[in-house]
Amino acid sequence: MTHFGAICPTHFTGHLNTMLPLAQELKRRGHRVTFIGIVGYEAKVLAAGLEYL
């Protein structure tokens, strides 16, 4: 299992919206994915079943 970290440094949800499906597929394949970024993204990332710092 590989641990991927995804950094979301902007307030634009378009960046997050394109990264979530990729992250979910990585998780489905057995990898660990953690998002690191702005607090406003936390709920959406957690709702997708992913980790958030």
C-alpha atoms as a PDB file:
ATOM      1  CA  MET A   1       0.000   0.000   0.000  1.00  0.00           C
ATOM      2  CA  THR A   2       1.263   3.443  -0.925  1.00  0.00           C
ATOM      3  CA  HIS A   3       0.311   6.555   1.060  1.00  0.00           C
ATOM      4  CA  PHE A   4      -0.587   9.472  -1.210  1.00  0.00           C
ATOM      5  CA  GLY A   5      -0.821  13.054   0.050  1.00  0.00           C
ATOM      6  CA  ALA A   6      -2.857  15.582  -1.932  1.00  0.00           C
ATOM      7  CA  ILE A   7      -2.347  19.269  -1.170  1.00  0.00           C
ATOM      8  CA  CYS A   8      -5.238  21.617  -2.025  1.00  0.00           C
ATOM      9  CA  PRO A   9      -3.786  25.112  -1.633  1.00  0.00           C
ATOM     10  CA  THR A  10      -6.570  27.187  -3.194  1.00  0.00           C
ATOM     11  CA  HIS A  11     -10.140  28.157  -2.388  1.00  0.00           C
ATOM     12  CA  PHE A  12     -11.372  26.927  -5.789  1.00  0.00           C
ATOM     13  CA  THR A  13     -13.481  23.790  -5.439  1.00  0.00           C
ATOM     14  CA  GLY A  14     -12.814  22.825  -9.059  1.00  0.00           C
ATOM     15  CA  HIS A  15      -9.373  21.591  -8.045  1.00  0.00           C
ATOM     16  CA  LEU A  16     -10.818  19.427  -5.292  1.00  0.00           C
ATOM     17  CA  ASN A  17     -13.703  18.177  -7.436  1.00  0.00           C
ATOM     18  CA  THR A  18     -11.291  16.761 -10.003  1.00  0.00           C
ATOM     19  CA  MET A  19      -9.006  15.206  -7.386  1.00  0.00           C
ATOM     20  CA  LEU A  20     -11.673  13.421  -5.322  1.00  0.00           C
ATOM     21  CA  PRO A  21     -12.598  10.743  -7.903  1.00  0.00           C
ATOM     22  CA  LEU A  22      -8.917   9.954  -8.441  1.00  0.00           C
ATOM     23  CA  ALA A  23      -8.334   9.714  -4.698  1.00  0.00           C
ATOM     24  CA  GLN A  24     -11.378   7.475  -4.245  1.00  0.00           C
ATOM     25  CA  GLU A  25     -10.111   5.144  -6.980  1.00  0.00           C
ATOM     26  CA  LEU A  26      -6.700   4.961  -5.322  1.00  0.00           C
ATOM     27  CA  LYS A  27      -8.389   4.097  -2.022  1.00  0.00           C
ATOM     28  CA  ARG A  28     -10.539   1.465  -3.749  1.00  0.00           C
ATOM     29  CA  ARG A  29      -7.315  -0.112  -5.027  1.00  0.00           C
ATOM     30  CA  GLY A  30      -5.991  -0.388  -1.473  1.00  0.00           C
ATOM     31  CA  HIS A  31      -3.929   2.788  -1.171  1.00  0.00           C
ATOM     32  CA  ARG A  32      -4.144   5.369   1.599  1.00  0.00           C
ATOM     33  CA  VAL A  33      -4.943   8.954   0.533  1.00  0.00           C
ATOM     34  CA  THR A  34      -4.722  12.002   2.797  1.00  0.00           C
ATOM     35  CA  PHE A  35      -5.743  15.499   1.729  1.00  0.00           C
ATOM     36  CA  ILE A  36      -3.908  18.466   3.215  1.00  0.00           C
ATOM     37  CA  GLY A  37      -5.357  21.915   2.713  1.00  0.00           C
ATOM     38  CA  ILE A  38      -7.839  24.607   3.541  1.00  0.00           C
ATOM     39  CA  VAL A  39     -10.307  23.917   6.359  1.00  0.00           C
ATOM     40  CA  GLY A  40     -13.313  24.554   4.103  1.00  0.00           C
ATOM     41  CA  TYR A  41     -12.556  21.325   2.205  1.00  0.00           C
ATOM     42  CA  GLU A  42     -12.551  19.065   5.240  1.00  0.00           C
ATOM     43  CA  ALA A  43     -16.244  18.087   5.206  1.00  0.00           C
ATOM     44  CA  LYS A  44     -16.232  17.228   1.499  1.00  0.00           C
ATOM     45  CA  VAL A  45     -13.073  15.129   1.765  1.00  0.00           C
ATOM     46  CA  LEU A  46     -14.322  13.240   4.817  1.00  0.00           C
ATOM     47  CA  ALA A  47     -17.726  12.670   3.161  1.00  0.00           C
ATOM     48  CA  ALA A  48     -15.856  11.011   0.280  1.00  0.00           C
ATOM     49  CA  GLY A  49     -14.355   8.550   2.771  1.00  0.00           C
ATOM     50  CA  LEU A  50     -10.848   9.999   2.637  1.00  0.00           C
ATOM     51  CA  GLU A  51      -8.462  11.347   5.278  1.00  0.00           C
ATOM     52  CA  TYR A  52      -7.897  15.057   5.929  1.00  0.00           C
ATOM     53  CA  LEU A  53      -5.161  16.919   7.837  1.00  0.00           C
END
